[in-house]
Amino acid sequence: MLVNKPPMGWNSWNTFGEKIDEKLIIETADAMIEQGYAALGYEYVIIDDCWALRERDENGKLVPDPKKFPHGMKYISDYVHSKGLKFGMYSCAGVMTCAGYSSSFGHEYEDAKQFAEWGVDYLKYDFCYFPKTADCKNAYLTMSMALRTCGRDILFAACNWGVEEPWKWMRSIGVHTYRSTGDIFDKYVSMRDIVQSQENNFSMSAPQCFNDIDMLTVGMYGKGLVGIENGCTDEEYTMEFALWCIYGAPLIIGGDIRSMSENAKKLLQNKELIAINQDAECREPYKLDALSHEKDRTVLFKIMDNKEYVVMLVNYSDSKIKIAVSLKDLGMPYECGTGLELHN
């Protein structure tokens, strides 16, 4: 199985946008090893948009920007692989990428072959500038088939922002993760709205195809491309990371791991939270509607391997509130004769 647990790694977009180059990717790969991220499962180093020239070459191939990547993509890929990590890249289903660069619409098979030749292990596939007369589902199916015939195992990370309810069909066409939401911003309201939007789609994620609620903003503090004012507080980042973990979402870091604060680094490397995300059963949480009918609170219950369970009480409001949990609503009525040993 190519993707039996939610993928973990780092992506350049949230912090750097178009300000990417060879040096950044190499330094990030080094930092993932030296600072202990790789040892905890963060394995993908992913270059997002803005890596290519705006026009293809005379042979119709994508061309890495020689100013940003003077040694080319195979050089970067080889370096990432030499560290024991995996290499990810970006393209788009539309006629241009979101930033207006060369894209893969009508070039799916030749691009997939080129990605394989470069040693790509992960492809994020966006949805900007997609023709209104084209078929969204067929576009993602076409790239899925292209990747499956390119001669290399490449994780297909579809990113169509929830258009046409992808949780109903992405798994069937062979993608490995699918973006079910719009872009996240480094702001509490953005994070909250994204996680609440997927509370009814918990059953739409499983090994080989995970619901992706976008990249993490943990540790950005308002810096970078998607930074908003001062970003989030450490308490809000803790909520974000814990929710991504219990949701079983991909854990793709969007901050600059070369200069993470100690609090952010400690959070992103929290072994107990990561273990919830990477649990062998990969079960989505169950929302206890009877206890969480108010929009300012949610109670989530997750069944895990080895007779372990997770209960998460979420307070979305700005003030203290009381949240009650009934063991009967966890499937354990008083008369059942069993109980739970609790650990915070």
Protein backbone atom coordinates (compact mmCIF):
# COMPACT_ATOMS: atom_id res chain seq x y z
CA MET A 1 0.00 0.00 0.00
CA LEU A 2 1.42 3.35 -1.04
CA VAL A 3 -0.41 5.46 1.56
CA ASN A 4 -1.67 3.41 4.50
CA LYS A 5 -1.44 6.36 6.93
CA PRO A 6 -1.88 10.13 6.53
CA PRO A 7 1.26 11.50 4.83
CA MET A 8 3.55 13.79 6.81
CA GLY A 9 6.01 16.38 5.53
CA TRP A 10 6.62 20.01 4.63
CA ASN A 11 5.36 22.26 1.82
CA SER A 12 6.81 25.58 0.67
CA TRP A 13 3.59 27.49 -0.12
CA ASN A 14 2.24 28.82 3.18
CA THR A 15 5.41 30.65 4.12
CA PHE A 16 7.38 31.21 0.92
CA GLY A 17 4.99 31.35 -2.06
CA GLU A 18 7.06 32.27 -5.12
CA LYS A 19 10.17 32.97 -3.01
CA ILE A 20 11.56 29.47 -3.39
CA ASP A 21 14.91 28.25 -4.63
CA GLU A 22 17.39 25.40 -4.50
CA LYS A 23 19.02 26.65 -1.31
CA LEU A 24 15.72 26.75 0.60
CA ILE A 25 14.80 23.19 -0.34
CA ILE A 26 18.22 21.80 0.52
CA GLU A 27 18.33 23.63 3.86
CA THR A 28 14.82 22.45 4.69
CA ALA A 29 15.72 18.83 3.93
CA ASP A 30 18.77 19.19 6.18
CA ALA A 31 16.66 20.72 8.96
CA MET A 32 14.10 17.91 8.80
CA ILE A 33 16.88 15.46 9.60
CA GLU A 34 18.94 17.54 12.02
CA GLN A 35 15.99 18.81 14.07
CA GLY A 36 14.31 15.44 14.44
CA TYR A 37 11.26 15.87 12.22
CA ALA A 38 12.11 12.99 9.90
CA ALA A 39 12.56 10.59 12.80
CA LEU A 40 8.94 11.25 13.78
CA GLY A 41 7.53 10.53 10.32
CA TYR A 42 7.77 13.84 8.45
CA GLU A 43 9.20 12.50 5.20
CA TYR A 44 7.96 14.58 2.23
CA VAL A 45 9.76 17.75 1.11
CA ILE A 46 7.30 19.39 -1.29
CA ILE A 47 7.93 22.29 -3.67
CA ASP A 48 4.66 24.09 -4.37
CA ASP A 49 3.78 26.56 -7.16
CA CYS A 50 6.22 28.96 -8.90
CA TRP A 51 9.04 26.49 -9.57
CA ALA A 52 8.69 26.46 -13.39
CA LEU A 53 9.07 28.93 -16.21
CA ARG A 54 5.81 30.39 -17.49
CA GLU A 55 6.26 28.70 -20.90
CA ARG A 56 7.17 25.15 -21.88
CA ASP A 57 10.29 24.46 -23.96
CA GLU A 58 10.37 23.72 -27.69
CA ASN A 59 9.63 20.06 -26.95
CA GLY A 60 6.57 20.90 -24.88
CA LYS A 61 8.17 20.02 -21.56
CA LEU A 62 7.97 21.82 -18.24
CA VAL A 63 11.13 23.78 -17.45
CA PRO A 64 12.37 24.50 -13.91
CA ASP A 65 13.24 28.18 -13.46
CA PRO A 66 17.06 28.22 -13.96
CA LYS A 67 17.46 31.19 -11.63
CA LYS A 68 15.73 29.41 -8.78
CA PHE A 69 16.89 25.87 -9.53
CA PRO A 70 20.14 26.13 -11.53
CA HIS A 71 20.92 22.42 -11.16
CA GLY A 72 17.44 21.26 -12.13
CA MET A 73 14.88 19.13 -10.35
CA LYS A 74 16.70 15.79 -10.60
CA TYR A 75 19.52 17.33 -8.57
CA ILE A 76 17.08 18.45 -5.85
CA SER A 77 15.33 15.08 -5.90
CA ASP A 78 18.61 13.20 -5.57
CA TYR A 79 19.64 15.39 -2.64
CA VAL A 80 16.33 14.87 -0.84
CA HIS A 81 16.54 11.12 -1.42
CA SER A 82 20.14 11.06 -0.15
CA LYS A 83 18.76 12.23 3.20
CA GLY A 84 16.30 9.34 3.30
CA LEU A 85 13.39 11.69 2.57
CA LYS A 86 10.85 11.82 -0.27
CA PHE A 87 10.49 14.54 -2.89
CA GLY A 88 7.25 16.28 -3.79
CA MET A 89 6.28 18.75 -6.53
CA TYR A 90 3.31 20.74 -7.73
CA SER A 91 1.21 21.09 -10.86
CA CYS A 92 -2.35 22.06 -11.70
CA ALA A 93 -5.36 20.66 -13.55
CA GLY A 94 -6.06 24.04 -15.17
CA VAL A 95 -4.49 25.81 -18.12
CA MET A 96 -2.22 27.74 -15.71
CA THR A 97 -1.15 27.21 -12.13
CA CYS A 98 -2.64 29.46 -9.46
CA ALA A 99 0.34 31.81 -9.82
CA GLY A 100 0.17 31.79 -13.63
CA TYR A 101 2.91 29.29 -14.47
CA SER A 102 2.96 26.33 -16.85
CA SER A 103 0.35 23.74 -15.94
CA SER A 104 -0.67 20.19 -16.89
CA PHE A 105 -4.05 20.61 -18.60
CA GLY A 106 -3.76 18.54 -21.80
CA HIS A 107 -0.22 17.43 -20.85
CA GLU A 108 -1.00 14.91 -18.12
CA TYR A 109 0.82 11.86 -19.47
CA GLU A 110 3.96 13.65 -20.61
CA ASP A 111 4.17 15.58 -17.33
CA ALA A 112 3.69 12.45 -15.25
CA LYS A 113 6.53 10.80 -17.16
CA GLN A 114 8.73 13.84 -16.58
CA PHE A 115 7.95 13.85 -12.86
CA ALA A 116 8.89 10.17 -12.71
CA GLU A 117 12.19 10.87 -14.48
CA TRP A 118 12.97 13.53 -11.92
CA GLY A 119 12.32 11.09 -9.07
CA VAL A 120 9.15 12.71 -7.75
CA ASP A 121 7.37 10.82 -4.94
CA TYR A 122 4.42 13.18 -4.34
CA LEU A 123 2.37 15.39 -6.66
CA LYS A 124 0.10 18.15 -5.39
CA TYR A 125 -2.41 18.82 -8.18
CA ASP A 126 -4.26 22.14 -7.93
CA PHE A 127 -7.43 23.46 -9.62
CA CYS A 128 -6.84 27.07 -10.72
CA TYR A 129 -7.82 28.34 -14.21
CA PHE A 130 -9.81 25.18 -14.91
CA PRO A 131 -11.96 25.61 -18.06
CA LYS A 132 -15.66 25.90 -17.29
CA THR A 133 -16.49 23.53 -20.14
CA ALA A 134 -14.05 20.84 -18.95
CA ASP A 135 -14.91 17.88 -16.69
CA CYS A 136 -13.40 18.14 -13.19
CA LYS A 137 -13.73 14.45 -12.37
CA ASN A 138 -12.25 13.34 -15.68
CA ALA A 139 -9.33 15.75 -15.29
CA TYR A 140 -8.31 14.18 -11.97
CA LEU A 141 -8.95 10.67 -13.31
CA THR A 142 -6.69 11.43 -16.29
CA MET A 143 -3.80 12.52 -14.08
CA SER A 144 -4.42 9.56 -11.79
CA MET A 145 -4.06 7.18 -14.73
CA ALA A 146 -1.04 9.08 -16.03
CA LEU A 147 0.73 8.69 -12.69
CA ARG A 148 -0.15 5.00 -12.55
CA THR A 149 1.48 4.41 -15.94
CA CYS A 150 4.55 6.65 -15.47
CA GLY A 151 6.80 3.90 -14.12
CA ARG A 152 7.13 5.25 -10.57
CA ASP A 153 5.01 5.18 -7.42
CA ILE A 154 3.86 8.78 -6.92
CA LEU A 155 1.45 9.86 -4.19
CA PHE A 156 -1.39 11.76 -5.87
CA ALA A 157 -2.48 14.70 -3.68
CA ALA A 158 -5.55 16.13 -5.44
CA CYS A 159 -6.37 19.72 -4.51
CA ASN A 160 -9.71 20.82 -5.95
CA TRP A 161 -10.90 22.74 -2.84
CA GLY A 162 -14.06 20.66 -2.35
CA VAL A 163 -15.52 21.32 -5.82
CA GLU A 164 -18.19 18.76 -6.76
CA GLU A 165 -17.96 17.11 -3.32
CA PRO A 166 -14.70 15.20 -3.86
CA TRP A 167 -15.31 12.99 -0.80
CA LYS A 168 -17.90 11.19 -2.92
CA TRP A 169 -15.61 10.24 -5.84
CA MET A 170 -11.89 10.98 -5.34
CA ARG A 171 -11.16 7.62 -3.70
CA SER A 172 -12.78 5.79 -6.61
CA ILE A 173 -10.51 7.39 -9.22
CA GLY A 174 -7.31 6.48 -7.40
CA VAL A 175 -6.12 9.64 -5.61
CA HIS A 176 -4.33 9.25 -2.28
CA THR A 177 -5.34 12.52 -0.61
CA TYR A 178 -7.92 15.10 -1.65
CA ARG A 179 -8.35 18.70 -0.55
CA SER A 180 -11.88 19.14 0.69
CA THR A 181 -11.60 22.83 1.64
CA GLY A 182 -10.41 26.18 0.41
CA ASP A 183 -7.00 27.55 1.40
CA ILE A 184 -6.11 27.96 5.04
CA PHE A 185 -4.80 31.27 6.39
CA ASP A 186 -2.78 31.84 9.53
CA LYS A 187 -5.79 33.08 11.43
CA TYR A 188 -7.93 31.33 14.04
CA VAL A 189 -11.21 31.93 12.20
CA SER A 190 -9.81 30.32 9.03
CA MET A 191 -8.67 27.21 10.88
CA ARG A 192 -11.94 26.94 12.81
CA ASP A 193 -14.13 27.29 9.72
CA ILE A 194 -12.13 24.62 7.87
CA VAL A 195 -12.38 21.98 10.59
CA GLN A 196 -16.08 22.68 11.20
CA SER A 197 -16.81 22.38 7.47
CA GLN A 198 -15.71 18.74 7.50
CA GLU A 199 -17.55 17.50 10.59
CA ASN A 200 -20.09 15.72 8.39
CA ASN A 201 -17.44 14.02 6.24
CA PHE A 202 -15.57 11.98 8.83
CA SER A 203 -16.42 8.67 7.18
CA MET A 204 -14.95 9.82 3.85
CA SER A 205 -11.33 9.07 4.73
CA ALA A 206 -9.40 5.80 5.04
CA PRO A 207 -6.10 4.13 4.11
CA GLN A 208 -5.15 4.87 0.49
CA CYS A 209 -7.33 8.01 0.37
CA PHE A 210 -7.27 10.66 3.10
CA ASN A 211 -9.35 13.82 3.46
CA ASP A 212 -6.88 16.73 3.32
CA ILE A 213 -7.97 19.89 5.18
CA ASP A 214 -4.91 21.85 3.97
CA MET A 215 -1.44 22.47 5.29
CA LEU A 216 -0.65 23.40 8.87
CA THR A 217 0.01 26.99 9.86
CA VAL A 218 1.54 26.00 13.21
CA GLY A 219 4.50 28.23 14.08
CA MET A 220 3.96 30.87 11.40
CA TYR A 221 2.88 33.67 13.78
CA GLY A 222 1.63 35.83 10.91
CA LYS A 223 4.74 35.48 8.77
CA GLY A 224 4.84 34.35 5.16
CA LEU A 225 2.42 34.20 2.27
CA VAL A 226 -0.73 33.17 4.14
CA GLY A 227 0.15 35.01 7.35
CA ILE A 228 -2.60 37.26 8.70
CA GLU A 229 -1.54 40.06 11.06
CA ASN A 230 -0.03 38.26 14.07
CA GLY A 231 -1.24 34.81 13.11
CA CYS A 232 -2.40 32.52 15.89
CA THR A 233 -1.47 32.10 19.53
CA ASP A 234 0.33 29.00 20.80
CA GLU A 235 -2.96 27.87 22.36
CA GLU A 236 -4.73 28.19 18.99
CA TYR A 237 -1.90 26.33 17.25
CA THR A 238 -2.28 23.56 19.84
CA MET A 239 -5.98 23.29 18.95
CA GLU A 240 -5.12 23.24 15.24
CA PHE A 241 -2.54 20.47 15.50
CA ALA A 242 -4.68 18.38 17.84
CA LEU A 243 -7.65 18.66 15.46
CA TRP A 244 -5.54 17.71 12.42
CA CYS A 245 -4.31 14.69 14.38
CA ILE A 246 -7.70 13.42 15.53
CA TYR A 247 -9.19 14.09 12.07
CA GLY A 248 -6.55 11.83 10.54
CA ALA A 249 -5.60 14.60 8.11
CA PRO A 250 -2.22 14.78 6.35
CA LEU A 251 0.31 16.57 8.54
CA ILE A 252 2.07 18.86 6.08
CA ILE A 253 3.98 21.65 7.84
CA GLY A 254 3.61 25.08 6.22
CA GLY A 255 5.95 27.07 8.44
CA ASP A 256 9.71 27.52 8.15
CA ILE A 257 11.09 24.57 10.10
CA ARG A 258 14.58 26.06 9.97
CA SER A 259 13.50 28.72 12.46
CA MET A 260 10.51 27.31 14.35
CA SER A 261 9.92 28.60 17.87
CA GLU A 262 10.55 26.08 20.60
CA ASN A 263 6.82 25.96 21.42
CA ALA A 264 5.88 25.26 17.79
CA LYS A 265 8.62 22.67 17.38
CA LYS A 266 7.59 20.91 20.60
CA LEU A 267 3.97 20.82 19.38
CA LEU A 268 4.78 19.54 15.88
CA GLN A 269 6.96 16.86 17.46
CA ASN A 270 4.45 15.80 20.12
CA LYS A 271 4.71 12.02 19.90
CA GLU A 272 1.35 11.34 21.55
CA LEU A 273 -0.56 13.58 19.16
CA ILE A 274 1.31 12.19 16.13
CA ALA A 275 0.47 8.67 17.32
CA ILE A 276 -3.24 9.58 17.22
CA ASN A 277 -2.85 10.73 13.60
CA GLN A 278 -0.73 7.74 12.59
CA ASP A 279 -2.76 5.06 14.38
CA ALA A 280 -2.78 1.71 12.61
CA GLU A 281 -6.58 1.60 12.21
CA CYS A 282 -6.78 5.11 10.68
CA ARG A 283 -10.35 5.57 11.87
CA GLU A 284 -11.93 8.99 11.61
CA PRO A 285 -13.44 10.48 14.79
CA TYR A 286 -17.10 10.22 15.66
CA LYS A 287 -18.91 13.44 16.52
CA LEU A 288 -21.18 13.20 19.53
CA ASP A 289 -24.04 15.33 18.23
CA ALA A 290 -26.10 14.99 21.37
CA LEU A 291 -23.38 16.72 23.36
CA SER A 292 -22.11 19.16 20.76
CA HIS A 293 -25.18 20.75 19.21
CA GLU A 294 -23.86 24.21 20.00
CA LYS A 295 -21.60 25.73 17.35
CA ASP A 296 -19.11 26.94 19.95
CA ARG A 297 -18.24 23.42 21.10
CA THR A 298 -17.60 19.93 19.76
CA VAL A 299 -17.01 16.54 21.34
CA LEU A 300 -15.08 14.03 19.24
CA PHE A 301 -14.50 10.34 19.95
CA LYS A 302 -11.90 8.27 18.11
CA ILE A 303 -11.47 4.48 18.27
CA MET A 304 -7.83 3.44 17.95
CA ASP A 305 -5.74 0.31 17.80
CA ASN A 306 -4.77 -1.68 20.94
CA LYS A 307 -8.00 -0.85 22.78
CA GLU A 308 -7.14 2.83 23.00
CA TYR A 309 -9.62 5.67 22.52
CA VAL A 310 -9.42 9.43 22.23
CA VAL A 311 -11.98 11.93 23.51
CA MET A 312 -11.48 15.55 22.46
CA LEU A 313 -13.44 18.43 23.94
CA VAL A 314 -13.21 21.49 21.71
CA ASN A 315 -14.14 24.99 22.86
CA TYR A 316 -14.30 27.26 19.80
CA SER A 317 -15.47 30.30 21.78
CA ASP A 318 -13.44 33.09 23.36
CA SER A 319 -14.62 32.31 26.89
CA LYS A 320 -14.68 29.40 29.30
CA ILE A 321 -17.57 26.97 28.85
CA LYS A 322 -18.60 23.69 30.42
CA ILE A 323 -18.61 20.61 28.16
CA ALA A 324 -20.07 17.38 29.53
CA VAL A 325 -19.30 13.88 28.27
CA SER A 326 -21.59 10.93 28.91
CA LEU A 327 -19.98 7.50 28.85
CA LYS A 328 -23.26 6.15 27.51
CA ASP A 329 -22.78 8.33 24.43
CA LEU A 330 -19.32 6.80 24.07
CA GLY A 331 -21.00 3.40 23.77
CA MET A 332 -20.29 2.49 27.41
CA PRO A 333 -23.49 2.61 29.51
CA TYR A 334 -23.24 2.35 33.30
CA GLU A 335 -24.36 -1.28 33.35
CA CYS A 336 -21.73 -2.46 30.81
CA GLY A 337 -19.28 -3.46 33.54
CA THR A 338 -16.22 -1.82 32.01
CA GLY A 339 -14.56 1.56 32.16
CA LEU A 340 -11.76 3.79 30.92
CA GLU A 341 -8.38 4.65 32.35
CA LEU A 342 -7.87 8.31 31.43
CA HIS A 343 -4.69 10.12 30.41
CA ASN A 344 -4.45 13.81 29.48
